[in-house]
Amino acid sequence: MAALCLAVGLLCLAIGYWGAWLPHPAAGLAILGLDLAEYVKFVPEVRSGHIALTREVFYNPLISLALGLLVLGTLRGVRLPWWLRLGLVLLAVPVALSMLPPAWTPTSLRAPEFRRQTTVMLLLLAAVPLSPLLQRHVPDPIRGLALLALAVLPVPAIVGFLRLLPALERLYNRPLQPGAALYLTGLGALLLAVAGWLLLSGGRPFAFRLTRRARATAPPPPATGHTPRPD
């Protein structure tokens, strides 16, 4: 159940991030989640500091997606064929490389503007060859904790976009509504949290609670000591 929930959550994150957070009939005016980290630099209110927004937060869903693929590909409590595990782990590579800026060069990656995202991207790529060790030595409850943390990462991106929306309305000179991709991203984050909780609880969150309550209310067992027989 946790694996299925995680897989659906990752699919929602991928569709949401590569989908239009701001749809528009003209394709050139639609804004994808993938474009926001670069697009936000050209919004006047962000450039002037009127909207305090760090553009790197829009890479957070990518980080959750890449690390979530590693978690899914190294789960110990579910039987997956080796080729599927390998495919899931290798999918984290193009996801991490999506953090590359447009028209990048090796020199530009060392520029202060791109240094932070380059560092995160390299760390994600370095985690891929470590997946066999992760599968062998990391228990699933630890993965559950990691998923709970990964579920929080897309939240600043969603909040940042909603803060940006009034400025975009002034640019477009019309009322705007977020696209379905924004809600898919949020749903993906929620499903990651559910999968993390299922891993932490061994897949039986409610049964665990009921078992503890039953133990607390059960009568004490009878004494097992020797009882003298009456004469």
Protein backbone atom coordinates (compact mmCIF):
# COMPACT_ATOMS: atom_id res chain seq x y z
CA MET A 1 0.00 0.00 0.00
CA ALA A 2 2.81 2.42 0.86
CA ALA A 3 4.59 1.66 -2.41
CA LEU A 4 1.42 2.25 -4.46
CA CYS A 5 0.70 5.49 -2.61
CA LEU A 6 4.28 6.64 -3.18
CA ALA A 7 4.20 5.73 -6.89
CA VAL A 8 0.96 7.66 -7.46
CA GLY A 9 2.31 10.61 -5.48
CA LEU A 10 5.48 10.73 -7.57
CA LEU A 11 3.42 10.56 -10.76
CA CYS A 12 1.30 13.49 -9.56
CA LEU A 13 4.46 15.46 -8.73
CA ALA A 14 5.93 14.82 -12.18
CA ILE A 15 2.75 15.71 -14.09
CA GLY A 16 2.19 18.72 -11.86
CA TYR A 17 5.71 20.11 -12.13
CA TRP A 18 5.88 19.74 -15.90
CA GLY A 19 2.33 21.02 -16.25
CA ALA A 20 1.05 24.59 -16.49
CA TRP A 21 0.80 26.29 -13.10
CA LEU A 22 -0.57 29.26 -15.00
CA PRO A 23 -2.45 28.11 -18.12
CA HIS A 24 -3.05 30.41 -21.07
CA PRO A 25 -4.54 29.89 -24.54
CA ALA A 26 -1.28 31.15 -26.02
CA ALA A 27 1.39 28.54 -25.31
CA GLY A 28 4.08 31.19 -24.98
CA LEU A 29 2.22 32.83 -22.10
CA ALA A 30 1.57 29.64 -20.13
CA ILE A 31 3.95 29.16 -17.19
CA LEU A 32 5.06 25.65 -16.32
CA GLY A 33 6.23 24.70 -12.87
CA LEU A 34 9.56 23.84 -14.47
CA ASP A 35 9.93 27.42 -15.76
CA LEU A 36 9.17 29.27 -12.55
CA ALA A 37 12.70 29.28 -11.11
CA GLU A 38 13.88 31.28 -14.14
CA TYR A 39 10.66 33.18 -14.90
CA VAL A 40 10.42 34.67 -11.41
CA LYS A 41 13.66 36.62 -11.96
CA PHE A 42 11.90 38.84 -14.51
CA VAL A 43 8.83 39.74 -12.45
CA PRO A 44 9.21 43.46 -11.54
CA GLU A 45 7.98 43.06 -7.94
CA VAL A 46 10.55 40.31 -7.33
CA ARG A 47 13.37 42.27 -8.95
CA SER A 48 12.56 45.34 -6.82
CA GLY A 49 12.34 43.28 -3.62
CA HIS A 50 8.66 44.12 -3.08
CA ILE A 51 7.97 40.37 -3.12
CA ALA A 52 10.67 38.60 -1.13
CA LEU A 53 10.93 35.27 -2.92
CA THR A 54 13.88 32.93 -3.35
CA ARG A 55 13.72 31.46 -6.81
CA GLU A 56 15.35 28.17 -5.73
CA VAL A 57 12.18 27.16 -3.86
CA PHE A 58 10.65 26.31 -7.23
CA TYR A 59 13.18 23.47 -7.54
CA ASN A 60 11.86 21.86 -4.34
CA PRO A 61 9.31 19.64 -6.13
CA LEU A 62 12.16 18.32 -8.30
CA ILE A 63 14.15 17.42 -5.19
CA SER A 64 11.14 15.59 -3.74
CA LEU A 65 10.61 13.78 -7.03
CA ALA A 66 14.24 12.69 -7.46
CA LEU A 67 14.67 11.49 -3.88
CA GLY A 68 11.21 9.92 -3.90
CA LEU A 69 12.23 7.81 -6.90
CA LEU A 70 15.29 6.65 -4.96
CA VAL A 71 13.11 5.74 -1.99
CA LEU A 72 10.66 3.81 -4.17
CA GLY A 73 13.47 2.01 -6.00
CA THR A 74 15.13 0.88 -2.77
CA LEU A 75 12.09 -0.14 -0.69
CA ARG A 76 12.79 -3.30 1.28
CA GLY A 77 9.26 -4.20 2.32
CA VAL A 78 7.92 -4.70 -1.21
CA ARG A 79 8.95 -7.17 -3.91
CA LEU A 80 9.97 -5.41 -7.10
CA PRO A 81 11.89 -6.93 -10.02
CA TRP A 82 15.48 -5.75 -10.27
CA TRP A 83 14.91 -4.07 -13.63
CA LEU A 84 12.06 -1.99 -12.22
CA ARG A 85 14.17 -0.95 -9.25
CA LEU A 86 16.99 0.01 -11.60
CA GLY A 87 14.64 1.97 -13.84
CA LEU A 88 13.17 3.91 -10.94
CA VAL A 89 16.60 4.80 -9.59
CA LEU A 90 17.90 5.85 -13.02
CA LEU A 91 14.85 8.08 -13.55
CA ALA A 92 16.24 10.27 -10.77
CA VAL A 93 19.10 11.26 -13.12
CA PRO A 94 17.05 13.20 -15.73
CA VAL A 95 14.93 14.63 -12.92
CA ALA A 96 18.03 16.01 -11.21
CA LEU A 97 19.43 17.29 -14.52
CA SER A 98 16.22 19.29 -14.98
CA MET A 99 17.73 21.74 -12.50
CA LEU A 100 20.24 22.84 -15.14
CA PRO A 101 19.67 26.48 -16.16
CA PRO A 102 18.86 27.26 -19.80
CA ALA A 103 21.84 27.71 -22.12
CA TRP A 104 24.20 26.56 -19.38
CA THR A 105 27.94 26.15 -19.65
CA PRO A 106 30.38 24.61 -17.15
CA THR A 107 31.52 28.12 -16.30
CA SER A 108 28.01 29.44 -15.71
CA LEU A 109 27.26 26.60 -13.27
CA ARG A 110 29.96 27.99 -10.97
CA ALA A 111 28.41 31.48 -11.00
CA PRO A 112 26.91 32.62 -7.66
CA GLU A 113 23.43 32.71 -9.20
CA PHE A 114 23.47 28.99 -10.02
CA ARG A 115 25.87 27.66 -7.40
CA ARG A 116 23.19 26.49 -4.97
CA GLN A 117 21.11 24.58 -7.49
CA THR A 118 24.26 23.09 -9.02
CA THR A 119 25.34 21.80 -5.62
CA VAL A 120 21.94 20.23 -4.95
CA MET A 121 21.89 18.69 -8.43
CA LEU A 122 25.32 17.12 -7.95
CA LEU A 123 24.30 15.71 -4.56
CA LEU A 124 21.21 14.13 -6.12
CA LEU A 125 23.30 12.59 -8.89
CA ALA A 126 25.80 11.29 -6.34
CA ALA A 127 23.01 9.53 -4.44
CA VAL A 128 22.04 7.41 -7.47
CA PRO A 129 25.04 5.01 -7.43
CA LEU A 130 24.58 4.62 -3.66
CA SER A 131 21.12 3.06 -4.11
CA PRO A 132 22.30 -0.57 -3.54
CA LEU A 133 23.75 0.47 -0.17
CA LEU A 134 20.56 2.35 0.68
CA GLN A 135 18.46 -0.71 -0.10
CA ARG A 136 20.68 -2.98 1.98
CA HIS A 137 21.30 -0.86 5.07
CA VAL A 138 18.45 1.65 5.43
CA PRO A 139 15.25 0.27 7.04
CA ASP A 140 11.87 1.29 5.63
CA PRO A 141 10.82 3.32 8.72
CA ILE A 142 13.78 5.64 8.02
CA ARG A 143 12.47 5.98 4.49
CA GLY A 144 9.13 6.90 6.00
CA LEU A 145 10.73 9.76 7.90
CA ALA A 146 12.48 10.87 4.72
CA LEU A 147 9.18 10.88 2.81
CA LEU A 148 7.54 13.02 5.47
CA ALA A 149 10.34 15.55 5.00
CA LEU A 150 10.10 15.34 1.20
CA ALA A 151 6.35 15.98 1.41
CA VAL A 152 7.02 19.37 3.00
CA LEU A 153 9.46 20.54 0.31
CA PRO A 154 6.91 21.44 -2.42
CA VAL A 155 4.89 23.59 0.00
CA PRO A 156 7.15 26.70 -0.23
CA ALA A 157 6.96 26.50 -4.03
CA ILE A 158 3.15 26.41 -3.97
CA VAL A 159 2.94 29.23 -1.42
CA GLY A 160 5.50 31.26 -3.38
CA PHE A 161 3.48 30.93 -6.58
CA LEU A 162 0.29 32.04 -4.83
CA ARG A 163 2.14 35.08 -3.49
CA LEU A 164 3.34 35.78 -7.02
CA LEU A 165 -0.11 35.52 -8.59
CA PRO A 166 -1.24 39.17 -7.96
CA ALA A 167 1.94 40.42 -9.66
CA LEU A 168 1.27 38.12 -12.62
CA GLU A 169 -2.27 39.47 -12.85
CA ARG A 170 -0.86 42.96 -13.25
CA LEU A 171 1.50 41.72 -15.96
CA TYR A 172 -1.26 39.90 -17.84
CA ASN A 173 -3.80 42.66 -17.09
CA ARG A 174 -6.49 40.09 -16.29
CA PRO A 175 -7.64 37.92 -13.37
CA LEU A 176 -5.75 34.64 -13.23
CA GLN A 177 -6.44 31.27 -11.69
CA PRO A 178 -3.82 28.59 -10.94
CA GLY A 179 -3.84 25.61 -13.25
CA ALA A 180 -4.66 22.03 -12.32
CA ALA A 181 -0.92 21.25 -12.31
CA LEU A 182 -0.49 23.30 -9.13
CA TYR A 183 -3.09 21.18 -7.34
CA LEU A 184 -1.55 17.98 -8.70
CA THR A 185 1.76 19.03 -7.19
CA GLY A 186 0.07 19.56 -3.84
CA LEU A 187 -1.70 16.20 -4.12
CA GLY A 188 1.61 14.51 -4.88
CA ALA A 189 3.14 16.02 -1.76
CA LEU A 190 0.18 14.84 0.31
CA LEU A 191 0.50 11.29 -1.03
CA LEU A 192 4.21 11.28 -0.16
CA ALA A 193 3.26 12.14 3.41
CA VAL A 194 0.71 9.32 3.52
CA ALA A 195 3.25 6.86 2.14
CA GLY A 196 5.77 7.99 4.73
CA TRP A 197 3.28 7.45 7.54
CA LEU A 198 2.42 3.99 6.22
CA LEU A 199 6.09 3.04 6.19
CA LEU A 200 6.53 4.32 9.73
CA SER A 201 3.54 2.36 10.99
CA GLY A 202 4.29 -0.83 9.10
CA GLY A 203 1.29 -0.33 6.80
CA ARG A 204 -1.25 -0.63 9.66
CA PRO A 205 -1.62 2.84 11.22
CA PHE A 206 -5.10 2.25 12.65
CA ALA A 207 -4.51 -1.36 13.64
CA PHE A 208 -1.48 -0.23 15.63
CA ARG A 209 -3.56 2.33 17.52
CA LEU A 210 -6.38 -0.13 18.21
CA THR A 211 -3.93 -2.75 19.41
CA ARG A 212 -2.43 -0.37 21.91
CA ARG A 213 -5.88 0.65 23.16
CA ALA A 214 -6.96 -2.99 23.49
CA ARG A 215 -3.88 -3.78 25.53
CA ALA A 216 -4.54 -0.84 27.81
CA THR A 217 -8.16 -1.90 28.52
CA ALA A 218 -7.69 -5.67 28.69
CA PRO A 219 -8.12 -7.23 32.16
CA PRO A 220 -4.96 -8.47 33.83
CA PRO A 221 -4.16 -12.15 33.26
CA PRO A 222 -4.91 -14.54 36.11
CA ALA A 223 -2.15 -15.30 38.54
CA THR A 224 -0.12 -18.34 37.60
CA GLY A 225 1.26 -19.04 41.06
CA HIS A 226 0.38 -22.20 43.05
CA THR A 227 -2.97 -22.02 44.84
CA PRO A 228 -3.24 -24.32 47.90
CA ARG A 229 -6.04 -26.89 47.74
CA PRO A 230 -8.67 -26.66 50.48
CA ASP A 231 -8.73 -29.46 53.05
